[in-house]
Amino acid sequence: MGNQLFQSAREAVMNVVKGKHESVPEHNHKHDYSSEIDSNSMSVAKNALSSAYANSNDAEKAQLRELQEELFNSQQDK
């Protein structure tokens, strides 16, 4: 079955990263709403990573660190 917390964390990070790459500049009129969604998605991803890390084996922890780095890098792209 796999580690559900790990899978949830991976999906949450991918949603943030995917959202950053799919943002369309012509939708600036929705900027405040979009920023709120980005902030919420980022919080969800960070919490999911934290929960998954506490309940993972060493191999999963290594992958979670990579996901955390990817999440951090997506924040720097703002």
PDB file of N, CA and C in Angstrom:
ATOM      1  N   MET A   1       0.824  -1.195   0.000  1.00  0.00           N
ATOM      2  CA  MET A   1       0.000   0.000   0.000  1.00  0.00           C
ATOM      3  C   MET A   1       0.869   1.260   0.000  1.00  0.00           C
ATOM      4  N   GLY A   2       1.956   1.271   0.737  1.00  0.00           N
ATOM      5  CA  GLY A   2       2.814   2.449   0.755  1.00  0.00           C
ATOM      6  C   GLY A   2       2.456   3.391   1.883  1.00  0.00           C
ATOM      7  N   ASN A   3       3.297   4.360   2.069  1.00  0.00           N
ATOM      8  CA  ASN A   3       3.130   5.349   3.121  1.00  0.00           C
ATOM      9  C   ASN A   3       2.209   6.461   2.611  1.00  0.00           C
ATOM     10  N   GLN A   4       0.998   6.498   3.131  1.00  0.00           N
ATOM     11  CA  GLN A   4       0.002   7.472   2.675  1.00  0.00           C
ATOM     12  C   GLN A   4       0.438   8.906   2.968  1.00  0.00           C
ATOM     13  N   LEU A   5       1.086   9.124   4.108  1.00  0.00           N
ATOM     14  CA  LEU A   5       1.557  10.473   4.431  1.00  0.00           C
ATOM     15  C   LEU A   5       2.636  10.925   3.445  1.00  0.00           C
ATOM     16  N   PHE A   6       3.494   9.999   3.079  1.00  0.00           N
ATOM     17  CA  PHE A   6       4.535  10.303   2.094  1.00  0.00           C
ATOM     18  C   PHE A   6       3.897  10.671   0.754  1.00  0.00           C
ATOM     19  N   GLN A   7       2.933   9.886   0.326  1.00  0.00           N
ATOM     20  CA  GLN A   7       2.260  10.144  -0.949  1.00  0.00           C
ATOM     21  C   GLN A   7       1.530  11.484  -0.925  1.00  0.00           C
ATOM     22  N   SER A   8       0.891  11.792   0.197  1.00  0.00           N
ATOM     23  CA  SER A   8       0.183  13.071   0.321  1.00  0.00           C
ATOM     24  C   SER A   8       1.153  14.246   0.260  1.00  0.00           C
ATOM     25  N   ALA A   9       2.298  14.092   0.906  1.00  0.00           N
ATOM     26  CA  ALA A   9       3.304  15.155   0.887  1.00  0.00           C
ATOM     27  C   ALA A   9       3.821  15.381  -0.529  1.00  0.00           C
ATOM     28  N   ARG A  10       4.107  14.307  -1.235  1.00  0.00           N
ATOM     29  CA  ARG A  10       4.603  14.411  -2.607  1.00  0.00           C
ATOM     30  C   ARG A  10       3.569  15.128  -3.485  1.00  0.00           C
ATOM     31  N   GLU A  11       2.304  14.765  -3.342  1.00  0.00           N
ATOM     32  CA  GLU A  11       1.242  15.396  -4.133  1.00  0.00           C
ATOM     33  C   GLU A  11       1.097  16.875  -3.789  1.00  0.00           C
ATOM     34  N   ALA A  12       1.187  17.207  -2.506  1.00  0.00           N
ATOM     35  CA  ALA A  12       1.044  18.602  -2.084  1.00  0.00           C
ATOM     36  C   ALA A  12       2.173  19.461  -2.653  1.00  0.00           C
ATOM     37  N   VAL A  13       3.393  18.948  -2.617  1.00  0.00           N
ATOM     38  CA  VAL A  13       4.528  19.691  -3.171  1.00  0.00           C
ATOM     39  C   VAL A  13       4.363  19.845  -4.678  1.00  0.00           C
ATOM     40  N   MET A  14       3.964  18.792  -5.349  1.00  0.00           N
ATOM     41  CA  MET A  14       3.780  18.862  -6.802  1.00  0.00           C
ATOM     42  C   MET A  14       2.692  19.867  -7.169  1.00  0.00           C
ATOM     43  N   ASN A  15       1.652  19.971  -6.351  1.00  0.00           N
ATOM     44  CA  ASN A  15       0.591  20.950  -6.609  1.00  0.00           C
ATOM     45  C   ASN A  15       1.133  22.370  -6.531  1.00  0.00           C
ATOM     46  N   VAL A  16       2.004  22.636  -5.557  1.00  0.00           N
ATOM     47  CA  VAL A  16       2.592  23.971  -5.432  1.00  0.00           C
ATOM     48  C   VAL A  16       3.497  24.255  -6.623  1.00  0.00           C
ATOM     49  N   VAL A  17       4.375  23.325  -6.928  1.00  0.00           N
ATOM     50  CA  VAL A  17       5.322  23.516  -8.030  1.00  0.00           C
ATOM     51  C   VAL A  17       4.580  23.642  -9.355  1.00  0.00           C
ATOM     52  N   LYS A  18       3.609  22.787  -9.571  1.00  0.00           N
ATOM     53  CA  LYS A  18       2.815  22.824 -10.801  1.00  0.00           C
ATOM     54  C   LYS A  18       2.057  24.146 -10.900  1.00  0.00           C
ATOM     55  N   GLY A  19       1.506  24.611  -9.808  1.00  0.00           N
ATOM     56  CA  GLY A  19       0.773  25.870  -9.791  1.00  0.00           C
ATOM     57  C   GLY A  19       1.644  27.053 -10.148  1.00  0.00           C
ATOM     58  N   LYS A  20       2.904  27.020  -9.726  1.00  0.00           N
ATOM     59  CA  LYS A  20       3.835  28.104 -10.043  1.00  0.00           C
ATOM     60  C   LYS A  20       4.120  28.151 -11.539  1.00  0.00           C
ATOM     61  N   HIS A  21       4.247  26.988 -12.151  1.00  0.00           N
ATOM     62  CA  HIS A  21       4.579  26.929 -13.573  1.00  0.00           C
ATOM     63  C   HIS A  21       3.373  27.212 -14.461  1.00  0.00           C
ATOM     64  N   GLU A  22       2.174  27.025 -13.944  1.00  0.00           N
ATOM     65  CA  GLU A  22       0.977  27.219 -14.761  1.00  0.00           C
ATOM     66  C   GLU A  22       0.330  28.580 -14.571  1.00  0.00           C
ATOM     67  N   SER A  23       0.898  29.422 -13.706  1.00  0.00           N
ATOM     68  CA  SER A  23       0.285  30.727 -13.490  1.00  0.00           C
ATOM     69  C   SER A  23       0.390  31.555 -14.761  1.00  0.00           C
ATOM     70  N   VAL A  24      -0.699  32.227 -15.072  1.00  0.00           N
ATOM     71  CA  VAL A  24      -0.781  32.999 -16.304  1.00  0.00           C
ATOM     72  C   VAL A  24      -0.748  34.477 -15.949  1.00  0.00           C
ATOM     73  N   PRO A  25       0.232  35.241 -16.447  1.00  0.00           N
ATOM     74  CA  PRO A  25       0.375  36.652 -16.098  1.00  0.00           C
ATOM     75  C   PRO A  25      -0.842  37.500 -16.430  1.00  0.00           C
ATOM     76  N   GLU A  26      -1.618  37.131 -17.437  1.00  0.00           N
ATOM     77  CA  GLU A  26      -2.751  37.964 -17.827  1.00  0.00           C
ATOM     78  C   GLU A  26      -3.894  37.918 -16.809  1.00  0.00           C
ATOM     79  N   HIS A  27      -3.785  37.109 -15.802  1.00  0.00           N
ATOM     80  CA  HIS A  27      -4.822  37.030 -14.776  1.00  0.00           C
ATOM     81  C   HIS A  27      -4.459  37.850 -13.547  1.00  0.00           C
ATOM     82  N   ASN A  28      -3.791  38.970 -13.736  1.00  0.00           N
ATOM     83  CA  ASN A  28      -3.360  39.811 -12.624  1.00  0.00           C
ATOM     84  C   ASN A  28      -4.523  40.342 -11.802  1.00  0.00           C
ATOM     85  N   HIS A  29      -5.696  40.450 -12.390  1.00  0.00           N
ATOM     86  CA  HIS A  29      -6.844  40.949 -11.648  1.00  0.00           C
ATOM     87  C   HIS A  29      -7.252  39.987 -10.532  1.00  0.00           C
ATOM     88  N   LYS A  30      -6.768  38.770 -10.569  1.00  0.00           N
ATOM     89  CA  LYS A  30      -7.067  37.790  -9.528  1.00  0.00           C
ATOM     90  C   LYS A  30      -5.868  37.591  -8.606  1.00  0.00           C
ATOM     91  N   HIS A  31      -4.937  38.531  -8.617  1.00  0.00           N
ATOM     92  CA  HIS A  31      -3.678  38.365  -7.896  1.00  0.00           C
ATOM     93  C   HIS A  31      -3.878  38.086  -6.409  1.00  0.00           C
ATOM     94  N   ASP A  32      -4.723  38.833  -5.737  1.00  0.00           N
ATOM     95  CA  ASP A  32      -4.916  38.631  -4.300  1.00  0.00           C
ATOM     96  C   ASP A  32      -5.447  37.234  -4.012  1.00  0.00           C
ATOM     97  N   TYR A  33      -6.408  36.791  -4.791  1.00  0.00           N
ATOM     98  CA  TYR A  33      -6.974  35.456  -4.614  1.00  0.00           C
ATOM     99  C   TYR A  33      -5.916  34.397  -4.897  1.00  0.00           C
ATOM    100  N   SER A  34      -5.163  34.603  -5.962  1.00  0.00           N
ATOM    101  CA  SER A  34      -4.110  33.664  -6.344  1.00  0.00           C
ATOM    102  C   SER A  34      -3.035  33.586  -5.266  1.00  0.00           C
ATOM    103  N   SER A  35      -2.662  34.719  -4.704  1.00  0.00           N
ATOM    104  CA  SER A  35      -1.653  34.734  -3.641  1.00  0.00           C
ATOM    105  C   SER A  35      -2.141  33.989  -2.416  1.00  0.00           C
ATOM    106  N   GLU A  36      -3.425  34.129  -2.123  1.00  0.00           N
ATOM    107  CA  GLU A  36      -4.002  33.423  -0.979  1.00  0.00           C
ATOM    108  C   GLU A  36      -3.972  31.914  -1.210  1.00  0.00           C
ATOM    109  N   ILE A  37      -4.301  31.495  -2.412  1.00  0.00           N
ATOM    110  CA  ILE A  37      -4.251  30.070  -2.747  1.00  0.00           C
ATOM    111  C   ILE A  37      -2.816  29.570  -2.669  1.00  0.00           C
ATOM    112  N   ASP A  38      -1.868  30.345  -3.218  1.00  0.00           N
ATOM    113  CA  ASP A  38      -0.459  29.960  -3.168  1.00  0.00           C
ATOM    114  C   ASP A  38       0.005  29.792  -1.734  1.00  0.00           C
ATOM    115  N   SER A  39      -0.362  30.734  -0.889  1.00  0.00           N
ATOM    116  CA  SER A  39       0.031  30.681   0.516  1.00  0.00           C
ATOM    117  C   SER A  39      -0.571  29.467   1.204  1.00  0.00           C
ATOM    118  N   ASN A  40      -1.835  29.196   0.933  1.00  0.00           N
ATOM    119  CA  ASN A  40      -2.499  28.039   1.525  1.00  0.00           C
ATOM    120  C   ASN A  40      -1.873  26.742   1.024  1.00  0.00           C
ATOM    121  N   SER A  41      -1.622  26.654  -0.266  1.00  0.00           N
ATOM    122  CA  SER A  41      -1.006  25.457  -0.838  1.00  0.00           C
ATOM    123  C   SER A  41       0.381  25.229  -0.258  1.00  0.00           C
ATOM    124  N   MET A  42       1.119  26.305  -0.063  1.00  0.00           N
ATOM    125  CA  MET A  42       2.458  26.202   0.514  1.00  0.00           C
ATOM    126  C   MET A  42       2.375  25.683   1.949  1.00  0.00           C
ATOM    127  N   SER A  43       1.431  26.195   2.717  1.00  0.00           N
ATOM    128  CA  SER A  43       1.260  25.733   4.100  1.00  0.00           C
ATOM    129  C   SER A  43       0.871  24.264   4.152  1.00  0.00           C
ATOM    130  N   VAL A  44      -0.029  23.869   3.277  1.00  0.00           N
ATOM    131  CA  VAL A  44      -0.446  22.462   3.215  1.00  0.00           C
ATOM    132  C   VAL A  44       0.754  21.581   2.889  1.00  0.00           C
ATOM    133  N   ALA A  45       1.555  21.995   1.920  1.00  0.00           N
ATOM    134  CA  ALA A  45       2.725  21.202   1.521  1.00  0.00           C
ATOM    135  C   ALA A  45       3.734  21.096   2.660  1.00  0.00           C
ATOM    136  N   LYS A  46       3.991  22.201   3.338  1.00  0.00           N
ATOM    137  CA  LYS A  46       4.945  22.176   4.455  1.00  0.00           C
ATOM    138  C   LYS A  46       4.457  21.272   5.577  1.00  0.00           C
ATOM    139  N   ASN A  47       3.183  21.365   5.904  1.00  0.00           N
ATOM    140  CA  ASN A  47       2.624  20.508   6.956  1.00  0.00           C
ATOM    141  C   ASN A  47       2.654  19.039   6.549  1.00  0.00           C
ATOM    142  N   ALA A  48       2.353  18.765   5.293  1.00  0.00           N
ATOM    143  CA  ALA A  48       2.372  17.386   4.803  1.00  0.00           C
ATOM    144  C   ALA A  48       3.783  16.812   4.861  1.00  0.00           C
ATOM    145  N   LEU A  49       4.776  17.621   4.489  1.00  0.00           N
ATOM    146  CA  LEU A  49       6.166  17.169   4.568  1.00  0.00           C
ATOM    147  C   LEU A  49       6.561  16.855   6.006  1.00  0.00           C
ATOM    148  N   SER A  50       6.163  17.716   6.910  1.00  0.00           N
ATOM    149  CA  SER A  50       6.494  17.514   8.320  1.00  0.00           C
ATOM    150  C   SER A  50       5.869  16.236   8.864  1.00  0.00           C
ATOM    151  N   SER A  51       4.605  16.034   8.573  1.00  0.00           N
ATOM    152  CA  SER A  51       3.909  14.830   9.038  1.00  0.00           C
ATOM    153  C   SER A  51       4.516  13.574   8.433  1.00  0.00           C
ATOM    154  N   ALA A  52       4.811  13.634   7.158  1.00  0.00           N
ATOM    155  CA  ALA A  52       5.369  12.469   6.477  1.00  0.00           C
ATOM    156  C   ALA A  52       6.759  12.142   7.009  1.00  0.00           C
ATOM    157  N   TYR A  53       7.556  13.160   7.261  1.00  0.00           N
ATOM    158  CA  TYR A  53       8.923  12.943   7.728  1.00  0.00           C
ATOM    159  C   TYR A  53       8.934  12.203   9.060  1.00  0.00           C
ATOM    160  N   ALA A  54       8.016  12.564   9.927  1.00  0.00           N
ATOM    161  CA  ALA A  54       7.956  11.945  11.255  1.00  0.00           C
ATOM    162  C   ALA A  54       7.558  10.475  11.190  1.00  0.00           C
ATOM    163  N   ASN A  55       6.969  10.062  10.093  1.00  0.00           N
ATOM    164  CA  ASN A  55       6.460   8.689   9.974  1.00  0.00           C
ATOM    165  C   ASN A  55       7.075   7.929   8.802  1.00  0.00           C
ATOM    166  N   SER A  56       8.312   8.249   8.441  1.00  0.00           N
ATOM    167  CA  SER A  56       8.929   7.653   7.260  1.00  0.00           C
ATOM    168  C   SER A  56      10.202   6.897   7.602  1.00  0.00           C
ATOM    169  N   ASN A  57      10.548   5.986   6.704  1.00  0.00           N
ATOM    170  CA  ASN A  57      11.825   5.284   6.843  1.00  0.00           C
ATOM    171  C   ASN A  57      12.935   6.151   6.240  1.00  0.00           C
ATOM    172  N   ASP A  58      14.168   5.672   6.321  1.00  0.00           N
ATOM    173  CA  ASP A  58      15.310   6.473   5.867  1.00  0.00           C
ATOM    174  C   ASP A  58      15.246   6.820   4.380  1.00  0.00           C
ATOM    175  N   ALA A  59      14.847   5.876   3.556  1.00  0.00           N
ATOM    176  CA  ALA A  59      14.757   6.134   2.112  1.00  0.00           C
ATOM    177  C   ALA A  59      13.695   7.193   1.813  1.00  0.00           C
ATOM    178  N   GLU A  60      12.558   7.095   2.480  1.00  0.00           N
ATOM    179  CA  GLU A  60      11.494   8.090   2.281  1.00  0.00           C
ATOM    180  C   GLU A  60      11.944   9.457   2.784  1.00  0.00           C
ATOM    181  N   LYS A  61      12.668   9.479   3.903  1.00  0.00           N
ATOM    182  CA  LYS A  61      13.160  10.757   4.437  1.00  0.00           C
ATOM    183  C   LYS A  61      14.086  11.447   3.442  1.00  0.00           C
ATOM    184  N   ALA A  62      14.922  10.678   2.773  1.00  0.00           N
ATOM    185  CA  ALA A  62      15.812  11.261   1.760  1.00  0.00           C
ATOM    186  C   ALA A  62      14.993  11.877   0.625  1.00  0.00           C
ATOM    187  N   GLN A  63      13.958  11.191   0.195  1.00  0.00           N
ATOM    188  CA  GLN A  63      13.097  11.718  -0.871  1.00  0.00           C
ATOM    189  C   GLN A  63      12.322  12.940  -0.393  1.00  0.00           C
ATOM    190  N   LEU A  64      11.903  12.924   0.861  1.00  0.00           N
ATOM    191  CA  LEU A  64      11.181  14.073   1.410  1.00  0.00           C
ATOM    192  C   LEU A  64      12.088  15.299   1.494  1.00  0.00           C
ATOM    193  N   ARG A  65      13.361  15.096   1.810  1.00  0.00           N
ATOM    194  CA  ARG A  65      14.304  16.221   1.818  1.00  0.00           C
ATOM    195  C   ARG A  65      14.430  16.821   0.416  1.00  0.00           C
ATOM    196  N   GLU A  66      14.427  15.964  -0.607  1.00  0.00           N
ATOM    197  CA  GLU A  66      14.470  16.459  -1.985  1.00  0.00           C
ATOM    198  C   GLU A  66      13.206  17.254  -2.320  1.00  0.00           C
ATOM    199  N   LEU A  67      12.065  16.755  -1.876  1.00  0.00           N
ATOM    200  CA  LEU A  67      10.805  17.473  -2.107  1.00  0.00           C
ATOM    201  C   LEU A  67      10.809  18.812  -1.379  1.00  0.00           C
ATOM    202  N   GLN A  68      11.362  18.825  -0.164  1.00  0.00           N
ATOM    203  CA  GLN A  68      11.436  20.064   0.601  1.00  0.00           C
ATOM    204  C   GLN A  68      12.314  21.081  -0.130  1.00  0.00           C
ATOM    205  N   GLU A  69      13.408  20.622  -0.701  1.00  0.00           N
ATOM    206  CA  GLU A  69      14.292  21.502  -1.472  1.00  0.00           C
ATOM    207  C   GLU A  69      13.561  22.047  -2.703  1.00  0.00           C
ATOM    208  N   GLU A  70      12.799  21.202  -3.354  1.00  0.00           N
ATOM    209  CA  GLU A  70      12.026  21.632  -4.521  1.00  0.00           C
ATOM    210  C   GLU A  70      10.987  22.681  -4.125  1.00  0.00           C
ATOM    211  N   LEU A  71      10.360  22.481  -2.983  1.00  0.00           N
ATOM    212  CA  LEU A  71       9.383  23.441  -2.475  1.00  0.00           C
ATOM    213  C   LEU A  71      10.068  24.770  -2.158  1.00  0.00           C
ATOM    214  N   PHE A  72      11.227  24.700  -1.511  1.00  0.00           N
ATOM    215  CA  PHE A  72      11.994  25.901  -1.187  1.00  0.00           C
ATOM    216  C   PHE A  72      12.362  26.657  -2.465  1.00  0.00           C
ATOM    217  N   ASN A  73      12.824  25.917  -3.464  1.00  0.00           N
ATOM    218  CA  ASN A  73      13.202  26.546  -4.730  1.00  0.00           C
ATOM    219  C   ASN A  73      12.008  27.203  -5.410  1.00  0.00           C
ATOM    220  N   SER A  74      10.831  26.621  -5.274  1.00  0.00           N
ATOM    221  CA  SER A  74       9.642  27.227  -5.883  1.00  0.00           C
ATOM    222  C   SER A  74       9.283  28.534  -5.185  1.00  0.00           C
ATOM    223  N   GLN A  75       9.595  28.642  -3.899  1.00  0.00           N
ATOM    224  CA  GLN A  75       9.361  29.892  -3.169  1.00  0.00           C
ATOM    225  C   GLN A  75      10.302  30.980  -3.666  1.00  0.00           C
ATOM    226  N   GLN A  76      11.513  30.608  -4.003  1.00  0.00           N
ATOM    227  CA  GLN A  76      12.512  31.569  -4.462  1.00  0.00           C
ATOM    228  C   GLN A  76      12.184  32.124  -5.837  1.00  0.00           C
ATOM    229  N   ASP A  77      11.355  31.414  -6.589  1.00  0.00           N
ATOM    230  CA  ASP A  77      10.990  31.832  -7.943  1.00  0.00           C
ATOM    231  C   ASP A  77       9.962  32.952  -7.968  1.00  0.00           C
ATOM    232  N   LYS A  78       9.441  33.326  -6.825  1.00  0.00           N
ATOM    233  CA  LYS A  78       8.388  34.350  -6.788  1.00  0.00           C
ATOM    234  C   LYS A  78       8.850  35.657  -7.351  1.00  0.00           C
TER     235      LYS A  78
END
